[in-house]
Amino acid sequence: MRSDTVLLRGVTSADAIVSVNDVIIQVQADGTFELTIGLKPGPNFVDVVASNLDGSSHSSSLAIISIPPEDAS
């Protein structure tokens, strides 16, 4: 991808606690969440964990490869 950011969106249960790379993010009342993530050139690894109040959790790991945008010159 030729960008220095990516928008991560997802949906879970409304009472879930979601973390992205160990940072807790806000979940909306309908269970949706989103976060803009800064990318460095090359591989970027993103770990998403959603935990419910009953102690259950689900996780997903993503690898995003960022290619720096080409110069306009």
PDB file of N, CA and C in Angstrom:
ATOM      1  N   MET A   1       0.851  -1.157   0.000  1.00  0.00           N
ATOM      2  CA  MET A   1       0.000   0.000   0.000  1.00  0.00           C
ATOM      3  C   MET A   1       0.897   1.220   0.000  1.00  0.00           C
ATOM      4  N   ARG A   2       0.515   2.218  -0.745  1.00  0.00           N
ATOM      5  CA  ARG A   2       1.309   3.452  -0.860  1.00  0.00           C
ATOM      6  C   ARG A   2       0.644   4.548  -0.045  1.00  0.00           C
ATOM      7  N   SER A   3       0.816   4.473   1.251  1.00  0.00           N
ATOM      8  CA  SER A   3       0.232   5.456   2.161  1.00  0.00           C
ATOM      9  C   SER A   3       1.007   5.416   3.466  1.00  0.00           C
ATOM     10  N   ASP A   4       0.907   6.503   4.238  1.00  0.00           N
ATOM     11  CA  ASP A   4       1.567   6.492   5.542  1.00  0.00           C
ATOM     12  C   ASP A   4       0.573   6.282   6.677  1.00  0.00           C
ATOM     13  N   THR A   5      -0.711   6.040   6.329  1.00  0.00           N
ATOM     14  CA  THR A   5      -1.724   5.693   7.326  1.00  0.00           C
ATOM     15  C   THR A   5      -2.689   4.669   6.739  1.00  0.00           C
ATOM     16  N   VAL A   6      -3.391   3.982   7.622  1.00  0.00           N
ATOM     17  CA  VAL A   6      -4.453   3.068   7.219  1.00  0.00           C
ATOM     18  C   VAL A   6      -5.570   3.202   8.246  1.00  0.00           C
ATOM     19  N   LEU A   7      -6.823   3.127   7.782  1.00  0.00           N
ATOM     20  CA  LEU A   7      -7.976   3.193   8.672  1.00  0.00           C
ATOM     21  C   LEU A   7      -8.416   1.771   8.982  1.00  0.00           C
ATOM     22  N   LEU A   8      -8.338   1.401  10.248  1.00  0.00           N
ATOM     23  CA  LEU A   8      -8.765   0.086  10.707  1.00  0.00           C
ATOM     24  C   LEU A   8     -10.173   0.218  11.256  1.00  0.00           C
ATOM     25  N   ARG A   9     -11.101  -0.572  10.721  1.00  0.00           N
ATOM     26  CA  ARG A   9     -12.493  -0.558  11.190  1.00  0.00           C
ATOM     27  C   ARG A   9     -12.910  -1.972  11.540  1.00  0.00           C
ATOM     28  N   GLY A  10     -13.816  -2.075  12.517  1.00  0.00           N
ATOM     29  CA  GLY A  10     -14.328  -3.379  12.879  1.00  0.00           C
ATOM     30  C   GLY A  10     -15.622  -3.266  13.640  1.00  0.00           C
ATOM     31  N   VAL A  11     -16.184  -4.417  13.962  1.00  0.00           N
ATOM     32  CA  VAL A  11     -17.410  -4.464  14.753  1.00  0.00           C
ATOM     33  C   VAL A  11     -17.305  -5.628  15.734  1.00  0.00           C
ATOM     34  N   THR A  12     -17.800  -5.399  16.930  1.00  0.00           N
ATOM     35  CA  THR A  12     -17.781  -6.388  17.997  1.00  0.00           C
ATOM     36  C   THR A  12     -19.029  -6.171  18.838  1.00  0.00           C
ATOM     37  N   SER A  13     -19.144  -6.827  19.947  1.00  0.00           N
ATOM     38  CA  SER A  13     -20.280  -6.563  20.832  1.00  0.00           C
ATOM     39  C   SER A  13     -20.081  -5.202  21.496  1.00  0.00           C
ATOM     40  N   ALA A  14     -21.182  -4.541  21.790  1.00  0.00           N
ATOM     41  CA  ALA A  14     -21.127  -3.173  22.318  1.00  0.00           C
ATOM     42  C   ALA A  14     -20.411  -3.088  23.666  1.00  0.00           C
ATOM     43  N   ASP A  15     -20.402  -4.177  24.433  1.00  0.00           N
ATOM     44  CA  ASP A  15     -19.764  -4.138  25.754  1.00  0.00           C
ATOM     45  C   ASP A  15     -18.309  -4.617  25.728  1.00  0.00           C
ATOM     46  N   ALA A  16     -17.763  -4.847  24.534  1.00  0.00           N
ATOM     47  CA  ALA A  16     -16.392  -5.350  24.421  1.00  0.00           C
ATOM     48  C   ALA A  16     -15.372  -4.250  24.685  1.00  0.00           C
ATOM     49  N   ILE A  17     -14.205  -4.678  25.098  1.00  0.00           N
ATOM     50  CA  ILE A  17     -13.042  -3.800  25.223  1.00  0.00           C
ATOM     51  C   ILE A  17     -12.098  -4.200  24.094  1.00  0.00           C
ATOM     52  N   VAL A  18     -11.745  -3.236  23.248  1.00  0.00           N
ATOM     53  CA  VAL A  18     -10.901  -3.511  22.086  1.00  0.00           C
ATOM     54  C   VAL A  18      -9.561  -2.814  22.266  1.00  0.00           C
ATOM     55  N   SER A  19      -8.493  -3.547  21.997  1.00  0.00           N
ATOM     56  CA  SER A  19      -7.162  -2.934  22.003  1.00  0.00           C
ATOM     57  C   SER A  19      -6.483  -3.205  20.667  1.00  0.00           C
ATOM     58  N   VAL A  20      -5.732  -2.214  20.227  1.00  0.00           N
ATOM     59  CA  VAL A  20      -4.939  -2.322  19.007  1.00  0.00           C
ATOM     60  C   VAL A  20      -3.494  -2.052  19.407  1.00  0.00           C
ATOM     61  N   ASN A  21      -2.649  -3.054  19.227  1.00  0.00           N
ATOM     62  CA  ASN A  21      -1.242  -2.964  19.660  1.00  0.00           C
ATOM     63  C   ASN A  21      -1.151  -2.496  21.113  1.00  0.00           C
ATOM     64  N   ASP A  22      -1.961  -3.106  21.964  1.00  0.00           N
ATOM     65  CA  ASP A  22      -1.980  -2.874  23.417  1.00  0.00           C
ATOM     66  C   ASP A  22      -2.513  -1.509  23.836  1.00  0.00           C
ATOM     67  N   VAL A  23      -3.165  -0.776  22.924  1.00  0.00           N
ATOM     68  CA  VAL A  23      -3.791   0.504  23.258  1.00  0.00           C
ATOM     69  C   VAL A  23      -5.302   0.326  23.159  1.00  0.00           C
ATOM     70  N   ILE A  24      -6.011   0.600  24.259  1.00  0.00           N
ATOM     71  CA  ILE A  24      -7.468   0.445  24.273  1.00  0.00           C
ATOM     72  C   ILE A  24      -8.100   1.560  23.453  1.00  0.00           C
ATOM     73  N   ILE A  25      -9.049   1.179  22.569  1.00  0.00           N
ATOM     74  CA  ILE A  25      -9.745   2.165  21.751  1.00  0.00           C
ATOM     75  C   ILE A  25     -11.234   2.135  22.069  1.00  0.00           C
ATOM     76  N   GLN A  26     -11.920   3.213  21.717  1.00  0.00           N
ATOM     77  CA  GLN A  26     -13.338   3.356  22.045  1.00  0.00           C
ATOM     78  C   GLN A  26     -14.197   2.511  21.113  1.00  0.00           C
ATOM     79  N   VAL A  27     -15.166   1.807  21.701  1.00  0.00           N
ATOM     80  CA  VAL A  27     -16.167   1.053  20.954  1.00  0.00           C
ATOM     81  C   VAL A  27     -17.476   1.829  21.055  1.00  0.00           C
ATOM     82  N   GLN A  28     -18.122   2.057  19.916  1.00  0.00           N
ATOM     83  CA  GLN A  28     -19.385   2.799  19.887  1.00  0.00           C
ATOM     84  C   GLN A  28     -20.521   1.935  20.436  1.00  0.00           C
ATOM     85  N   ALA A  29     -21.663   2.556  20.702  1.00  0.00           N
ATOM     86  CA  ALA A  29     -22.818   1.856  21.271  1.00  0.00           C
ATOM     87  C   ALA A  29     -23.305   0.719  20.374  1.00  0.00           C
ATOM     88  N   ASP A  30     -23.066   0.827  19.055  1.00  0.00           N
ATOM     89  CA  ASP A  30     -23.487  -0.233  18.132  1.00  0.00           C
ATOM     90  C   ASP A  30     -22.406  -1.300  17.931  1.00  0.00           C
ATOM     91  N   GLY A  31     -21.294  -1.194  18.661  1.00  0.00           N
ATOM     92  CA  GLY A  31     -20.221  -2.180  18.587  1.00  0.00           C
ATOM     93  C   GLY A  31     -19.151  -1.888  17.549  1.00  0.00           C
ATOM     94  N   THR A  32     -19.296  -0.798  16.800  1.00  0.00           N
ATOM     95  CA  THR A  32     -18.286  -0.474  15.792  1.00  0.00           C
ATOM     96  C   THR A  32     -17.106   0.257  16.424  1.00  0.00           C
ATOM     97  N   PHE A  33     -15.963   0.133  15.783  1.00  0.00           N
ATOM     98  CA  PHE A  33     -14.776   0.867  16.219  1.00  0.00           C
ATOM     99  C   PHE A  33     -13.939   1.191  14.994  1.00  0.00           C
ATOM    100  N   GLU A  34     -13.128   2.226  15.106  1.00  0.00           N
ATOM    101  CA  GLU A  34     -12.191   2.556  14.038  1.00  0.00           C
ATOM    102  C   GLU A  34     -11.013   3.315  14.607  1.00  0.00           C
ATOM    103  N   LEU A  35      -9.899   3.182  13.928  1.00  0.00           N
ATOM    104  CA  LEU A  35      -8.666   3.815  14.369  1.00  0.00           C
ATOM    105  C   LEU A  35      -7.773   4.029  13.157  1.00  0.00           C
ATOM    106  N   THR A  36      -7.231   5.234  13.017  1.00  0.00           N
ATOM    107  CA  THR A  36      -6.245   5.497  11.979  1.00  0.00           C
ATOM    108  C   THR A  36      -4.874   5.140  12.541  1.00  0.00           C
ATOM    109  N   ILE A  37      -4.166   4.305  11.822  1.00  0.00           N
ATOM    110  CA  ILE A  37      -2.867   3.813  12.271  1.00  0.00           C
ATOM    111  C   ILE A  37      -1.780   4.384  11.364  1.00  0.00           C
ATOM    112  N   GLY A  38      -0.754   4.952  11.967  1.00  0.00           N
ATOM    113  CA  GLY A  38       0.399   5.428  11.209  1.00  0.00           C
ATOM    114  C   GLY A  38       1.257   4.254  10.767  1.00  0.00           C
ATOM    115  N   LEU A  39       1.757   4.330   9.542  1.00  0.00           N
ATOM    116  CA  LEU A  39       2.580   3.259   8.991  1.00  0.00           C
ATOM    117  C   LEU A  39       3.993   3.758   8.729  1.00  0.00           C
ATOM    118  N   LYS A  40       4.948   2.890   8.971  1.00  0.00           N
ATOM    119  CA  LYS A  40       6.325   3.176   8.581  1.00  0.00           C
ATOM    120  C   LYS A  40       6.597   2.399   7.300  1.00  0.00           C
ATOM    121  N   PRO A  41       7.554   2.822   6.494  1.00  0.00           N
ATOM    122  CA  PRO A  41       7.866   2.061   5.284  1.00  0.00           C
ATOM    123  C   PRO A  41       8.244   0.624   5.635  1.00  0.00           C
ATOM    124  N   GLY A  42       7.754  -0.307   4.840  1.00  0.00           N
ATOM    125  CA  GLY A  42       8.040  -1.718   5.072  1.00  0.00           C
ATOM    126  C   GLY A  42       6.923  -2.392   5.843  1.00  0.00           C
ATOM    127  N   PRO A  43       7.230  -3.493   6.514  1.00  0.00           N
ATOM    128  CA  PRO A  43       6.193  -4.241   7.219  1.00  0.00           C
ATOM    129  C   PRO A  43       5.752  -3.549   8.508  1.00  0.00           C
ATOM    130  N   ASN A  44       4.447  -3.567   8.740  1.00  0.00           N
ATOM    131  CA  ASN A  44       3.833  -3.040   9.956  1.00  0.00           C
ATOM    132  C   ASN A  44       2.923  -4.136  10.498  1.00  0.00           C
ATOM    133  N   PHE A  45       3.022  -4.411  11.770  1.00  0.00           N
ATOM    134  CA  PHE A  45       2.239  -5.483  12.374  1.00  0.00           C
ATOM    135  C   PHE A  45       1.216  -4.883  13.325  1.00  0.00           C
ATOM    136  N   VAL A  46      -0.032  -5.338  13.186  1.00  0.00           N
ATOM    137  CA  VAL A  46      -1.140  -4.812  13.976  1.00  0.00           C
ATOM    138  C   VAL A  46      -1.818  -5.984  14.675  1.00  0.00           C
ATOM    139  N   ASP A  47      -1.920  -5.901  15.996  1.00  0.00           N
ATOM    140  CA  ASP A  47      -2.609  -6.920  16.787  1.00  0.00           C
ATOM    141  C   ASP A  47      -3.871  -6.310  17.374  1.00  0.00           C
ATOM    142  N   VAL A  48      -5.015  -6.939  17.086  1.00  0.00           N
ATOM    143  CA  VAL A  48      -6.309  -6.467  17.578  1.00  0.00           C
ATOM    144  C   VAL A  48      -6.870  -7.528  18.514  1.00  0.00           C
ATOM    145  N   VAL A  49      -7.290  -7.102  19.710  1.00  0.00           N
ATOM    146  CA  VAL A  49      -7.884  -8.018  20.685  1.00  0.00           C
ATOM    147  C   VAL A  49      -9.190  -7.413  21.175  1.00  0.00           C
ATOM    148  N   ALA A  50     -10.259  -8.209  21.133  1.00  0.00           N
ATOM    149  CA  ALA A  50     -11.552  -7.802  21.678  1.00  0.00           C
ATOM    150  C   ALA A  50     -11.878  -8.730  22.839  1.00  0.00           C
ATOM    151  N   SER A  51     -12.145  -8.147  24.010  1.00  0.00           N
ATOM    152  CA  SER A  51     -12.455  -8.919  25.216  1.00  0.00           C
ATOM    153  C   SER A  51     -13.830  -8.531  25.718  1.00  0.00           C
ATOM    154  N   ASN A  52     -14.599  -9.524  26.149  1.00  0.00           N
ATOM    155  CA  ASN A  52     -15.921  -9.277  26.716  1.00  0.00           C
ATOM    156  C   ASN A  52     -15.862  -9.323  28.230  1.00  0.00           C
ATOM    157  N   LEU A  53     -16.912  -8.816  28.847  1.00  0.00           N
ATOM    158  CA  LEU A  53     -16.971  -8.790  30.310  1.00  0.00           C
ATOM    159  C   LEU A  53     -16.961 -10.187  30.921  1.00  0.00           C
ATOM    160  N   ASP A  54     -17.381 -11.206  30.154  1.00  0.00           N
ATOM    161  CA  ASP A  54     -17.383 -12.571  30.683  1.00  0.00           C
ATOM    162  C   ASP A  54     -15.996 -13.219  30.636  1.00  0.00           C
ATOM    163  N   GLY A  55     -14.996 -12.467  30.139  1.00  0.00           N
ATOM    164  CA  GLY A  55     -13.629 -12.972  30.112  1.00  0.00           C
ATOM    165  C   GLY A  55     -13.205 -13.600  28.802  1.00  0.00           C
ATOM    166  N   SER A  56     -14.140 -13.794  27.874  1.00  0.00           N
ATOM    167  CA  SER A  56     -13.752 -14.359  26.581  1.00  0.00           C
ATOM    168  C   SER A  56     -13.090 -13.288  25.723  1.00  0.00           C
ATOM    169  N   SER A  57     -12.210 -13.726  24.837  1.00  0.00           N
ATOM    170  CA  SER A  57     -11.540 -12.764  23.962  1.00  0.00           C
ATOM    171  C   SER A  57     -11.285 -13.396  22.600  1.00  0.00           C
ATOM    172  N   HIS A  58     -11.157 -12.524  21.615  1.00  0.00           N
ATOM    173  CA  HIS A  58     -10.830 -12.923  20.248  1.00  0.00           C
ATOM    174  C   HIS A  58      -9.722 -11.996  19.775  1.00  0.00           C
ATOM    175  N   SER A  59      -8.798 -12.541  19.000  1.00  0.00           N
ATOM    176  CA  SER A  59      -7.700 -11.707  18.518  1.00  0.00           C
ATOM    177  C   SER A  59      -7.464 -11.943  17.034  1.00  0.00           C
ATOM    178  N   SER A  60      -6.859 -10.948  16.418  1.00  0.00           N
ATOM    179  CA  SER A  60      -6.483 -11.032  15.017  1.00  0.00           C
ATOM    180  C   SER A  60      -5.181 -10.263  14.835  1.00  0.00           C
ATOM    181  N   SER A  61      -4.302 -10.799  14.018  1.00  0.00           N
ATOM    182  CA  SER A  61      -3.035 -10.133  13.722  1.00  0.00           C
ATOM    183  C   SER A  61      -2.972  -9.843  12.231  1.00  0.00           C
ATOM    184  N   LEU A  62      -2.540  -8.633  11.912  1.00  0.00           N
ATOM    185  CA  LEU A  62      -2.443  -8.204  10.522  1.00  0.00           C
ATOM    186  C   LEU A  62      -1.016  -7.786  10.219  1.00  0.00           C
ATOM    187  N   ALA A  63      -0.583  -8.026   9.002  1.00  0.00           N
ATOM    188  CA  ALA A  63       0.695  -7.505   8.514  1.00  0.00           C
ATOM    189  C   ALA A  63       0.375  -6.604   7.328  1.00  0.00           C
ATOM    190  N   ILE A  64       0.787  -5.348   7.410  1.00  0.00           N
ATOM    191  CA  ILE A  64       0.540  -4.375   6.352  1.00  0.00           C
ATOM    192  C   ILE A  64       1.898  -3.914   5.850  1.00  0.00           C
ATOM    193  N   ILE A  65       2.117  -4.028   4.550  1.00  0.00           N
ATOM    194  CA  ILE A  65       3.385  -3.589   3.972  1.00  0.00           C
ATOM    195  C   ILE A  65       3.157  -2.237   3.309  1.00  0.00           C
ATOM    196  N   SER A  66       3.865  -1.240   3.800  1.00  0.00           N
ATOM    197  CA  SER A  66       3.727   0.122   3.291  1.00  0.00           C
ATOM    198  C   SER A  66       4.906   0.457   2.382  1.00  0.00           C
ATOM    199  N   ILE A  67       4.566   0.947   1.191  1.00  0.00           N
ATOM    200  CA  ILE A  67       5.574   1.414   0.244  1.00  0.00           C
ATOM    201  C   ILE A  67       5.468   2.928   0.216  1.00  0.00           C
ATOM    202  N   PRO A  68       6.550   3.651   0.483  1.00  0.00           N
ATOM    203  CA  PRO A  68       6.469   5.117   0.512  1.00  0.00           C
ATOM    204  C   PRO A  68       5.943   5.664  -0.814  1.00  0.00           C
ATOM    205  N   PRO A  69       5.081   6.696  -0.754  1.00  0.00           N
ATOM    206  CA  PRO A  69       4.596   7.306  -1.998  1.00  0.00           C
ATOM    207  C   PRO A  69       5.778   7.823  -2.814  1.00  0.00           C
ATOM    208  N   GLU A  70       5.653   7.705  -4.132  1.00  0.00           N
ATOM    209  CA  GLU A  70       6.716   8.200  -5.007  1.00  0.00           C
ATOM    210  C   GLU A  70       6.720   9.716  -5.003  1.00  0.00           C
ATOM    211  N   ASP A  71       7.894  10.293  -5.152  1.00  0.00           N
ATOM    212  CA  ASP A  71       8.003  11.748  -5.228  1.00  0.00           C
ATOM    213  C   ASP A  71       7.253  12.259  -6.448  1.00  0.00           C
ATOM    214  N   ALA A  72       6.635  13.434  -6.312  1.00  0.00           N
ATOM    215  CA  ALA A  72       5.885  14.031  -7.413  1.00  0.00           C
ATOM    216  C   ALA A  72       6.808  14.617  -8.474  1.00  0.00           C
ATOM    217  N   SER A  73       8.094  14.735  -8.187  1.00  0.00           N
ATOM    218  CA  SER A  73       9.017  15.363  -9.149  1.00  0.00           C
ATOM    219  C   SER A  73       9.384  14.448 -10.291  1.00  0.00           C
TER     220      SER A  73
END
